[in-house]
Amino acid sequence: MNLQLKLGSMRSYAFAVVAGVLLLAGYSQKGEAAACGTGTFAELVALGTGGCTIDDKTFSGFDFLGDIQSNAVSYSSVAGNPVDNTGFWGFDFQFNLSGSGNGTSPLSQDFKISYDIACTDGSKCIDSVHGRISGAFAGNFAVISMGESFNAGSGFQQAILGTGFTGNSSFDEDFTAVSTLSVLKDINASCAAPTGVEADANCFASLSAVQNYVDQVSSGGGPGDDDDDTTVPEPASLLLLATGLLGLAWSRRSRRNQV
C-alpha cells in the first residue's frame, strides 16, 4: 500500500513538474516572431502586432491603403551583416503602379504602407533610413515618387522622378540612433496635369519597385552590446532544471515518509 502511495505521489510530482516545464517552454517562445522571408504585403498585414524579424530587428504593425490590393505587392526581405554591423535591413517591394494621359487608364495611382521597426534587444541600433524607386516615365506631367515620413531626424524624405522635376530617385538620411522607428510611405505614379491644363495623351508613368531599408550603428548598440539583454532559457535547459526539481521534490517526500 505504501509503495503504491509513493508511486502515485511520484507520478503526481512528475506530472506537475513536466507541466511546469511545458508552460515555461511555451512562455520562453512567446513573442518570438518568425523571419520575414518573402511573400505579399497582405501576409505582412495578417501578422498583426506580432510582426516578423530580420536579424535583430522586428518589423510589425503593417498597414496598407491604396488603389491596388495589398496582395498585389510582393516583397523580399533584405539583411545586412549583424556581425560587423554593415549593410541594410528592410524590404524590396515589387508591384505594378501606373498612370496614363491617354484616357484608357487612371491618370494616377498610389498606395500607402506603414510599419514599425524595433531593435529586438532594446538597444539603439537604428541610425539611418534609405529609399529607392524604380520605374519609367514619358511625356508631360509624368511623375513617379515615394515620400516617406518617419519619427526621427528630419522626419521626411522623398524620392521623385518625372518630367520637369530634378532630384534623385533615392534618399538617405542619418540621425541619432533610436531603438524604435515608425515609417509611412506614400507611393505614386501619376500623369495628372495641373488644374486647367489638358493632360498629355503621350504621358505615361509606371512605378514597379521600391527598396526601403534602415541601417545599423557601426559601433555600440549592436547585437550583444546592450547591458540590459535578457537571455531566454532554451527548452533543453528548462528540461534539465525540471529534472533537478523532480529529484529534489522526491527526496523531500522520501524524508518525510521516513520520519
C-alpha atoms as a PDB file:
ATOM      1  CA  MET A   1       0.000   0.000   0.000  1.00  0.00           C
ATOM      2  CA  ASN A   2       2.781   2.397   1.000  1.00  0.00           C
ATOM      3  CA  LEU A   3       4.612   1.558  -2.242  1.00  0.00           C
ATOM      4  CA  GLN A   4       1.504   2.361  -4.279  1.00  0.00           C
ATOM      5  CA  LEU A   5       1.098   5.662  -2.458  1.00  0.00           C
ATOM      6  CA  LYS A   6       4.745   6.501  -3.077  1.00  0.00           C
ATOM      7  CA  LEU A   7       4.436   5.647  -6.777  1.00  0.00           C
ATOM      8  CA  GLY A   8       1.257   7.688  -7.032  1.00  0.00           C
ATOM      9  CA  SER A   9       2.902  10.647  -5.329  1.00  0.00           C
ATOM     10  CA  MET A  10       5.914  10.378  -7.595  1.00  0.00           C
ATOM     11  CA  ARG A  11       3.696  10.365 -10.677  1.00  0.00           C
ATOM     12  CA  SER A  12       1.875  13.448  -9.366  1.00  0.00           C
ATOM     13  CA  TYR A  13       5.154  15.275  -8.799  1.00  0.00           C
ATOM     14  CA  ALA A  14       6.405  14.254 -12.240  1.00  0.00           C
ATOM     15  CA  PHE A  15       3.210  15.438 -13.920  1.00  0.00           C
ATOM     16  CA  ALA A  16       3.305  18.791 -12.115  1.00  0.00           C
ATOM     17  CA  VAL A  17       6.964  19.413 -12.966  1.00  0.00           C
ATOM     18  CA  VAL A  18       6.580  18.403 -16.629  1.00  0.00           C
ATOM     19  CA  ALA A  19       3.505  20.631 -16.934  1.00  0.00           C
ATOM     20  CA  GLY A  20       5.534  23.482 -15.463  1.00  0.00           C
ATOM     21  CA  VAL A  21       8.352  22.849 -17.943  1.00  0.00           C
ATOM     22  CA  LEU A  22       5.944  22.903 -20.875  1.00  0.00           C
ATOM     23  CA  LEU A  23       4.438  26.145 -19.600  1.00  0.00           C
ATOM     24  CA  LEU A  24       7.855  27.755 -19.212  1.00  0.00           C
ATOM     25  CA  ALA A  25       8.952  26.499 -22.624  1.00  0.00           C
ATOM     26  CA  GLY A  26       5.839  27.979 -24.185  1.00  0.00           C
ATOM     27  CA  TYR A  27       6.410  31.244 -22.368  1.00  0.00           C
ATOM     28  CA  SER A  28      10.030  31.376 -23.493  1.00  0.00           C
ATOM     29  CA  GLN A  29       8.916  31.072 -27.107  1.00  0.00           C
ATOM     30  CA  LYS A  30       6.035  33.540 -26.741  1.00  0.00           C
ATOM     31  CA  GLY A  31       6.558  36.729 -28.715  1.00  0.00           C
ATOM     32  CA  GLU A  32       9.339  35.247 -30.844  1.00  0.00           C
ATOM     33  CA  ALA A  33       8.297  36.382 -34.313  1.00  0.00           C
ATOM     34  CA  ALA A  34       9.172  34.319 -37.372  1.00  0.00           C
ATOM     35  CA  ALA A  35      11.611  35.549 -40.014  1.00  0.00           C
ATOM     36  CA  CYS A  36      10.045  37.932 -42.539  1.00  0.00           C
ATOM     37  CA  GLY A  37      11.251  35.929 -45.554  1.00  0.00           C
ATOM     38  CA  THR A  38       9.282  36.605 -48.741  1.00  0.00           C
ATOM     39  CA  GLY A  39       5.594  36.916 -49.616  1.00  0.00           C
ATOM     40  CA  THR A  40       2.943  39.562 -50.216  1.00  0.00           C
ATOM     41  CA  PHE A  41       2.155  42.671 -48.237  1.00  0.00           C
ATOM     42  CA  ALA A  42      -1.215  41.120 -47.375  1.00  0.00           C
ATOM     43  CA  GLU A  43       0.675  38.418 -45.477  1.00  0.00           C
ATOM     44  CA  LEU A  44       2.622  41.052 -43.550  1.00  0.00           C
ATOM     45  CA  VAL A  45      -0.626  42.803 -42.583  1.00  0.00           C
ATOM     46  CA  ALA A  46      -2.028  39.471 -41.361  1.00  0.00           C
ATOM     47  CA  LEU A  47       0.860  39.152 -38.890  1.00  0.00           C
ATOM     48  CA  GLY A  48      -0.738  41.824 -36.700  1.00  0.00           C
ATOM     49  CA  THR A  49       1.234  43.132 -33.732  1.00  0.00           C
ATOM     50  CA  GLY A  50       3.499  40.063 -33.619  1.00  0.00           C
ATOM     51  CA  GLY A  51       5.255  41.017 -36.831  1.00  0.00           C
ATOM     52  CA  CYS A  52       8.357  39.302 -38.192  1.00  0.00           C
ATOM     53  CA  THR A  53      12.108  39.624 -37.811  1.00  0.00           C
ATOM     54  CA  ILE A  54      15.092  40.385 -39.986  1.00  0.00           C
ATOM     55  CA  ASP A  55      18.151  39.533 -37.907  1.00  0.00           C
ATOM     56  CA  ASP A  56      17.994  41.603 -34.710  1.00  0.00           C
ATOM     57  CA  LYS A  57      15.137  43.850 -35.846  1.00  0.00           C
ATOM     58  CA  THR A  58      11.396  43.240 -35.518  1.00  0.00           C
ATOM     59  CA  PHE A  59       9.026  44.668 -38.147  1.00  0.00           C
ATOM     60  CA  SER A  60       5.369  44.887 -37.109  1.00  0.00           C
ATOM     61  CA  GLY A  61       2.105  46.840 -37.327  1.00  0.00           C
ATOM     62  CA  PHE A  62       1.936  46.621 -41.119  1.00  0.00           C
ATOM     63  CA  ASP A  63      -0.878  48.635 -42.727  1.00  0.00           C
ATOM     64  CA  PHE A  64      -1.908  49.253 -46.337  1.00  0.00           C
ATOM     65  CA  LEU A  65      -4.268  51.654 -48.127  1.00  0.00           C
ATOM     66  CA  GLY A  66      -4.440  52.413 -51.846  1.00  0.00           C
ATOM     67  CA  ASP A  67      -5.615  51.947 -55.413  1.00  0.00           C
ATOM     68  CA  ILE A  68      -4.212  48.424 -55.686  1.00  0.00           C
ATOM     69  CA  GLN A  69      -4.668  45.425 -53.415  1.00  0.00           C
ATOM     70  CA  SER A  70      -2.119  44.563 -50.749  1.00  0.00           C
ATOM     71  CA  ASN A  71      -1.778  41.051 -52.206  1.00  0.00           C
ATOM     72  CA  ALA A  72      -0.616  42.668 -55.478  1.00  0.00           C
ATOM     73  CA  VAL A  73       2.511  43.949 -53.712  1.00  0.00           C
ATOM     74  CA  SER A  74       5.157  41.262 -53.255  1.00  0.00           C
ATOM     75  CA  TYR A  75       8.211  41.629 -51.067  1.00  0.00           C
ATOM     76  CA  SER A  76      11.538  40.067 -50.197  1.00  0.00           C
ATOM     77  CA  SER A  77      13.453  40.853 -47.036  1.00  0.00           C
ATOM     78  CA  VAL A  78      16.997  42.195 -47.047  1.00  0.00           C
ATOM     79  CA  ALA A  79      19.509  41.594 -44.266  1.00  0.00           C
ATOM     80  CA  GLY A  80      22.880  43.150 -43.635  1.00  0.00           C
ATOM     81  CA  ASN A  81      25.725  41.610 -41.665  1.00  0.00           C
ATOM     82  CA  PRO A  82      24.961  41.760 -37.909  1.00  0.00           C
ATOM     83  CA  VAL A  83      28.487  40.619 -37.038  1.00  0.00           C
ATOM     84  CA  ASP A  84      30.216  43.793 -38.207  1.00  0.00           C
ATOM     85  CA  ASN A  85      27.025  45.911 -38.499  1.00  0.00           C
ATOM     86  CA  THR A  86      27.359  46.580 -42.228  1.00  0.00           C
ATOM     87  CA  GLY A  87      24.689  46.626 -44.913  1.00  0.00           C
ATOM     88  CA  PHE A  88      20.980  47.344 -44.725  1.00  0.00           C
ATOM     89  CA  TRP A  89      17.865  45.787 -43.193  1.00  0.00           C
ATOM     90  CA  GLY A  90      14.430  46.106 -44.758  1.00  0.00           C
ATOM     91  CA  PHE A  91      12.393  45.216 -47.818  1.00  0.00           C
ATOM     92  CA  ASP A  92      12.344  45.174 -51.597  1.00  0.00           C
ATOM     93  CA  PHE A  93       8.742  45.698 -52.775  1.00  0.00           C
ATOM     94  CA  GLN A  94       7.592  44.693 -56.258  1.00  0.00           C
ATOM     95  CA  PHE A  95       4.292  45.819 -57.865  1.00  0.00           C
ATOM     96  CA  ASN A  96       2.729  47.459 -60.929  1.00  0.00           C
ATOM     97  CA  LEU A  97       1.522  51.021 -60.429  1.00  0.00           C
ATOM     98  CA  SER A  98       0.798  53.262 -63.409  1.00  0.00           C
ATOM     99  CA  GLY A  99      -0.844  56.433 -64.650  1.00  0.00           C
ATOM    100  CA  SER A 100      -1.569  57.449 -68.251  1.00  0.00           C
ATOM    101  CA  GLY A 101      -2.810  60.542 -70.052  1.00  0.00           C
ATOM    102  CA  ASN A 102      -4.467  58.644 -72.883  1.00  0.00           C
ATOM    103  CA  GLY A 103      -7.813  58.243 -71.132  1.00  0.00           C
ATOM    104  CA  THR A 104      -7.742  54.433 -71.140  1.00  0.00           C
ATOM    105  CA  SER A 105      -6.290  54.096 -67.632  1.00  0.00           C
ATOM    106  CA  PRO A 106      -6.312  56.178 -64.426  1.00  0.00           C
ATOM    107  CA  LEU A 107      -4.413  59.453 -64.511  1.00  0.00           C
ATOM    108  CA  SER A 108      -2.754  58.391 -61.294  1.00  0.00           C
ATOM    109  CA  GLN A 109      -2.489  55.519 -58.858  1.00  0.00           C
ATOM    110  CA  ASP A 110      -0.996  55.445 -55.425  1.00  0.00           C
ATOM    111  CA  PHE A 111      -0.880  53.488 -52.210  1.00  0.00           C
ATOM    112  CA  LYS A 112       0.385  53.993 -48.670  1.00  0.00           C
ATOM    113  CA  ILE A 113       2.138  51.460 -46.489  1.00  0.00           C
ATOM    114  CA  SER A 114       3.289  51.803 -42.905  1.00  0.00           C
ATOM    115  CA  TYR A 115       5.020  49.679 -40.293  1.00  0.00           C
ATOM    116  CA  ASP A 116       7.108  49.867 -37.144  1.00  0.00           C
ATOM    117  CA  ILE A 117      10.697  48.741 -36.646  1.00  0.00           C
ATOM    118  CA  ALA A 118      12.228  47.865 -33.268  1.00  0.00           C
ATOM    119  CA  CYS A 119      15.659  46.666 -32.177  1.00  0.00           C
ATOM    120  CA  THR A 120      14.755  43.283 -30.697  1.00  0.00           C
ATOM    121  CA  ASP A 121      17.227  43.582 -27.817  1.00  0.00           C
ATOM    122  CA  GLY A 122      16.053  47.096 -26.924  1.00  0.00           C
ATOM    123  CA  SER A 123      19.334  48.748 -27.899  1.00  0.00           C
ATOM    124  CA  LYS A 124      19.507  51.891 -30.041  1.00  0.00           C
ATOM    125  CA  CYS A 125      20.592  50.150 -33.224  1.00  0.00           C
ATOM    126  CA  ILE A 126      18.846  52.162 -35.993  1.00  0.00           C
ATOM    127  CA  ASP A 127      20.638  55.285 -37.184  1.00  0.00           C
ATOM    128  CA  SER A 128      19.510  55.907 -40.768  1.00  0.00           C
ATOM    129  CA  VAL A 129      16.856  55.327 -43.432  1.00  0.00           C
ATOM    130  CA  HIS A 130      17.364  54.644 -47.135  1.00  0.00           C
ATOM    131  CA  GLY A 131      14.898  54.526 -50.010  1.00  0.00           C
ATOM    132  CA  ARG A 132      14.994  53.988 -53.756  1.00  0.00           C
ATOM    133  CA  ILE A 133      12.391  53.773 -56.525  1.00  0.00           C
ATOM    134  CA  SER A 134      12.483  52.079 -59.936  1.00  0.00           C
ATOM    135  CA  GLY A 135      10.168  52.833 -62.850  1.00  0.00           C
ATOM    136  CA  ALA A 136       9.712  54.652 -66.137  1.00  0.00           C
ATOM    137  CA  PHE A 137       8.023  57.830 -67.346  1.00  0.00           C
ATOM    138  CA  ALA A 138       7.381  59.683 -70.636  1.00  0.00           C
ATOM    139  CA  GLY A 139       5.532  62.780 -71.823  1.00  0.00           C
ATOM    140  CA  ASN A 140       4.480  65.872 -69.905  1.00  0.00           C
ATOM    141  CA  PHE A 141       3.329  65.754 -66.267  1.00  0.00           C
ATOM    142  CA  ALA A 142       4.636  62.224 -65.678  1.00  0.00           C
ATOM    143  CA  VAL A 143       5.745  61.688 -62.083  1.00  0.00           C
ATOM    144  CA  ILE A 144       6.799  58.656 -60.067  1.00  0.00           C
ATOM    145  CA  SER A 145       7.583  59.208 -56.418  1.00  0.00           C
ATOM    146  CA  MET A 146       7.850  57.831 -52.925  1.00  0.00           C
ATOM    147  CA  GLY A 147       7.528  60.124 -49.938  1.00  0.00           C
ATOM    148  CA  GLU A 148       8.497  58.699 -46.564  1.00  0.00           C
ATOM    149  CA  SER A 149       7.626  60.075 -43.142  1.00  0.00           C
ATOM    150  CA  PHE A 150       9.428  58.739 -40.060  1.00  0.00           C
ATOM    151  CA  ASN A 151       9.711  59.736 -36.417  1.00  0.00           C
ATOM    152  CA  ALA A 152      13.426  60.553 -36.331  1.00  0.00           C
ATOM    153  CA  GLY A 153      15.792  63.078 -37.861  1.00  0.00           C
ATOM    154  CA  SER A 154      14.125  65.487 -40.300  1.00  0.00           C
ATOM    155  CA  GLY A 155      11.001  63.323 -40.308  1.00  0.00           C
ATOM    156  CA  PHE A 156      10.516  63.271 -44.101  1.00  0.00           C
ATOM    157  CA  GLN A 157      12.383  62.304 -47.260  1.00  0.00           C
ATOM    158  CA  GLN A 158      11.265  61.909 -50.866  1.00  0.00           C
ATOM    159  CA  ALA A 159      12.484  60.094 -53.956  1.00  0.00           C
ATOM    160  CA  ILE A 160      10.960  61.626 -57.091  1.00  0.00           C
ATOM    161  CA  LEU A 161      11.460  61.386 -60.864  1.00  0.00           C
ATOM    162  CA  GLY A 162       9.490  62.804 -63.779  1.00  0.00           C
ATOM    163  CA  THR A 163       9.104  65.466 -66.416  1.00  0.00           C
ATOM    164  CA  GLY A 164      10.051  68.864 -65.100  1.00  0.00           C
ATOM    165  CA  PHE A 165      11.480  67.527 -61.857  1.00  0.00           C
ATOM    166  CA  THR A 166      15.038  67.385 -60.687  1.00  0.00           C
ATOM    167  CA  GLY A 167      16.441  65.360 -57.843  1.00  0.00           C
ATOM    168  CA  ASN A 168      17.303  61.806 -57.118  1.00  0.00           C
ATOM    169  CA  SER A 169      15.469  58.531 -57.316  1.00  0.00           C
ATOM    170  CA  SER A 170      16.761  57.658 -53.889  1.00  0.00           C
ATOM    171  CA  PHE A 171      17.235  59.182 -50.455  1.00  0.00           C
ATOM    172  CA  ASP A 172      19.458  58.569 -47.451  1.00  0.00           C
ATOM    173  CA  GLU A 173      19.309  60.207 -44.044  1.00  0.00           C
ATOM    174  CA  ASP A 174      21.360  59.645 -40.909  1.00  0.00           C
ATOM    175  CA  PHE A 175      20.093  60.551 -37.443  1.00  0.00           C
ATOM    176  CA  THR A 176      20.812  59.942 -33.775  1.00  0.00           C
ATOM    177  CA  ALA A 177      20.408  56.233 -33.120  1.00  0.00           C
ATOM    178  CA  VAL A 178      16.982  55.065 -31.901  1.00  0.00           C
ATOM    179  CA  SER A 179      15.585  51.752 -30.662  1.00  0.00           C
ATOM    180  CA  THR A 180      12.244  52.070 -32.499  1.00  0.00           C
ATOM    181  CA  LEU A 181      11.174  53.706 -35.742  1.00  0.00           C
ATOM    182  CA  SER A 182       7.761  54.159 -37.374  1.00  0.00           C
ATOM    183  CA  VAL A 183       7.602  54.751 -41.131  1.00  0.00           C
ATOM    184  CA  LEU A 184       4.841  55.764 -43.556  1.00  0.00           C
ATOM    185  CA  LYS A 185       5.424  55.585 -47.314  1.00  0.00           C
ATOM    186  CA  ASP A 186       3.251  57.286 -49.948  1.00  0.00           C
ATOM    187  CA  ILE A 187       3.996  55.720 -53.339  1.00  0.00           C
ATOM    188  CA  ASN A 188       2.616  57.340 -56.509  1.00  0.00           C
ATOM    189  CA  ALA A 189       2.631  57.109 -60.297  1.00  0.00           C
ATOM    190  CA  SER A 190       0.834  59.992 -61.973  1.00  0.00           C
ATOM    191  CA  CYS A 191       0.111  61.773 -65.246  1.00  0.00           C
ATOM    192  CA  ALA A 192      -2.256  64.314 -63.711  1.00  0.00           C
ATOM    193  CA  ALA A 193      -1.879  67.734 -65.320  1.00  0.00           C
ATOM    194  CA  PRO A 194      -2.237  70.971 -63.316  1.00  0.00           C
ATOM    195  CA  THR A 195      -5.752  72.369 -62.935  1.00  0.00           C
ATOM    196  CA  GLY A 196      -6.973  73.891 -66.191  1.00  0.00           C
ATOM    197  CA  VAL A 197      -4.329  72.157 -68.309  1.00  0.00           C
ATOM    198  CA  GLU A 198      -5.204  69.249 -70.586  1.00  0.00           C
ATOM    199  CA  ALA A 199      -3.424  66.011 -69.834  1.00  0.00           C
ATOM    200  CA  ASP A 200      -0.756  64.905 -72.290  1.00  0.00           C
ATOM    201  CA  ALA A 201      -2.074  61.906 -74.247  1.00  0.00           C
ATOM    202  CA  ASN A 202       1.501  60.618 -74.517  1.00  0.00           C
ATOM    203  CA  CYS A 203       2.071  60.804 -70.781  1.00  0.00           C
ATOM    204  CA  PHE A 204       2.922  57.538 -69.081  1.00  0.00           C
ATOM    205  CA  ALA A 205       4.249  56.872 -65.599  1.00  0.00           C
ATOM    206  CA  SER A 206       4.999  53.441 -64.202  1.00  0.00           C
ATOM    207  CA  LEU A 207       6.462  52.572 -60.821  1.00  0.00           C
ATOM    208  CA  SER A 208       7.394  48.924 -60.344  1.00  0.00           C
ATOM    209  CA  ALA A 209       9.765  48.640 -57.397  1.00  0.00           C
ATOM    210  CA  VAL A 210      10.604  50.271 -54.088  1.00  0.00           C
ATOM    211  CA  GLN A 211      13.620  49.496 -51.952  1.00  0.00           C
ATOM    212  CA  ASN A 212      13.409  50.690 -48.373  1.00  0.00           C
ATOM    213  CA  TYR A 213      15.916  49.976 -45.619  1.00  0.00           C
ATOM    214  CA  VAL A 214      17.265  51.054 -42.277  1.00  0.00           C
ATOM    215  CA  ASP A 215      20.931  50.949 -41.342  1.00  0.00           C
ATOM    216  CA  GLN A 216      22.582  49.890 -38.115  1.00  0.00           C
ATOM    217  CA  VAL A 217      25.055  51.775 -35.974  1.00  0.00           C
ATOM    218  CA  SER A 218      28.646  50.960 -36.790  1.00  0.00           C
ATOM    219  CA  SER A 219      29.734  50.539 -33.172  1.00  0.00           C
ATOM    220  CA  GLY A 220      27.940  50.276 -29.852  1.00  0.00           C
ATOM    221  CA  GLY A 221      24.298  49.374 -29.602  1.00  0.00           C
ATOM    222  CA  GLY A 222      24.646  46.442 -31.966  1.00  0.00           C
ATOM    223  CA  PRO A 223      23.763  42.855 -31.144  1.00  0.00           C
ATOM    224  CA  GLY A 224      25.205  41.861 -27.782  1.00  0.00           C
ATOM    225  CA  ASP A 225      26.212  45.426 -26.841  1.00  0.00           C
ATOM    226  CA  ASP A 226      23.212  46.159 -24.624  1.00  0.00           C
ATOM    227  CA  ASP A 227      23.914  45.649 -20.937  1.00  0.00           C
ATOM    228  CA  ASP A 228      20.226  45.001 -20.305  1.00  0.00           C
ATOM    229  CA  ASP A 229      19.963  41.990 -22.609  1.00  0.00           C
ATOM    230  CA  THR A 230      17.891  39.189 -21.124  1.00  0.00           C
ATOM    231  CA  THR A 231      18.784  35.635 -22.078  1.00  0.00           C
ATOM    232  CA  VAL A 232      15.758  33.393 -22.568  1.00  0.00           C
ATOM    233  CA  PRO A 233      16.294  29.790 -21.406  1.00  0.00           C
ATOM    234  CA  GLU A 234      16.215  27.170 -24.141  1.00  0.00           C
ATOM    235  CA  PRO A 235      13.820  24.208 -23.741  1.00  0.00           C
ATOM    236  CA  ALA A 236      16.771  21.847 -23.137  1.00  0.00           C
ATOM    237  CA  SER A 237      17.922  23.991 -20.208  1.00  0.00           C
ATOM    238  CA  LEU A 238      14.390  24.020 -18.843  1.00  0.00           C
ATOM    239  CA  LEU A 239      14.240  20.230 -19.061  1.00  0.00           C
ATOM    240  CA  LEU A 240      17.476  19.940 -17.100  1.00  0.00           C
ATOM    241  CA  LEU A 241      16.080  22.292 -14.477  1.00  0.00           C
ATOM    242  CA  ALA A 242      12.882  20.240 -14.293  1.00  0.00           C
ATOM    243  CA  THR A 243      14.848  17.035 -13.741  1.00  0.00           C
ATOM    244  CA  GLY A 244      16.651  18.624 -10.807  1.00  0.00           C
ATOM    245  CA  LEU A 245      13.392  19.911  -9.331  1.00  0.00           C
ATOM    246  CA  LEU A 246      11.808  16.470  -9.674  1.00  0.00           C
ATOM    247  CA  GLY A 247      14.723  14.860  -7.866  1.00  0.00           C
ATOM    248  CA  LEU A 248      14.604  17.456  -5.099  1.00  0.00           C
ATOM    249  CA  ALA A 249      10.866  17.055  -4.658  1.00  0.00           C
ATOM    250  CA  TRP A 250      11.092  13.237  -4.443  1.00  0.00           C
ATOM    251  CA  SER A 251      13.991  13.465  -1.991  1.00  0.00           C
ATOM    252  CA  ARG A 252      11.998  15.725   0.332  1.00  0.00           C
ATOM    253  CA  ARG A 253       8.960  13.429   0.028  1.00  0.00           C
ATOM    254  CA  SER A 254      11.032  10.367   0.910  1.00  0.00           C
ATOM    255  CA  ARG A 255      12.496  12.040   4.014  1.00  0.00           C
ATOM    256  CA  ARG A 256       9.041  12.979   5.274  1.00  0.00           C
ATOM    257  CA  ASN A 257       7.845   9.378   4.879  1.00  0.00           C
ATOM    258  CA  GLN A 258      10.828   8.124   6.896  1.00  0.00           C
ATOM    259  CA  VAL A 259      10.061  10.366   9.867  1.00  0.00           C
END
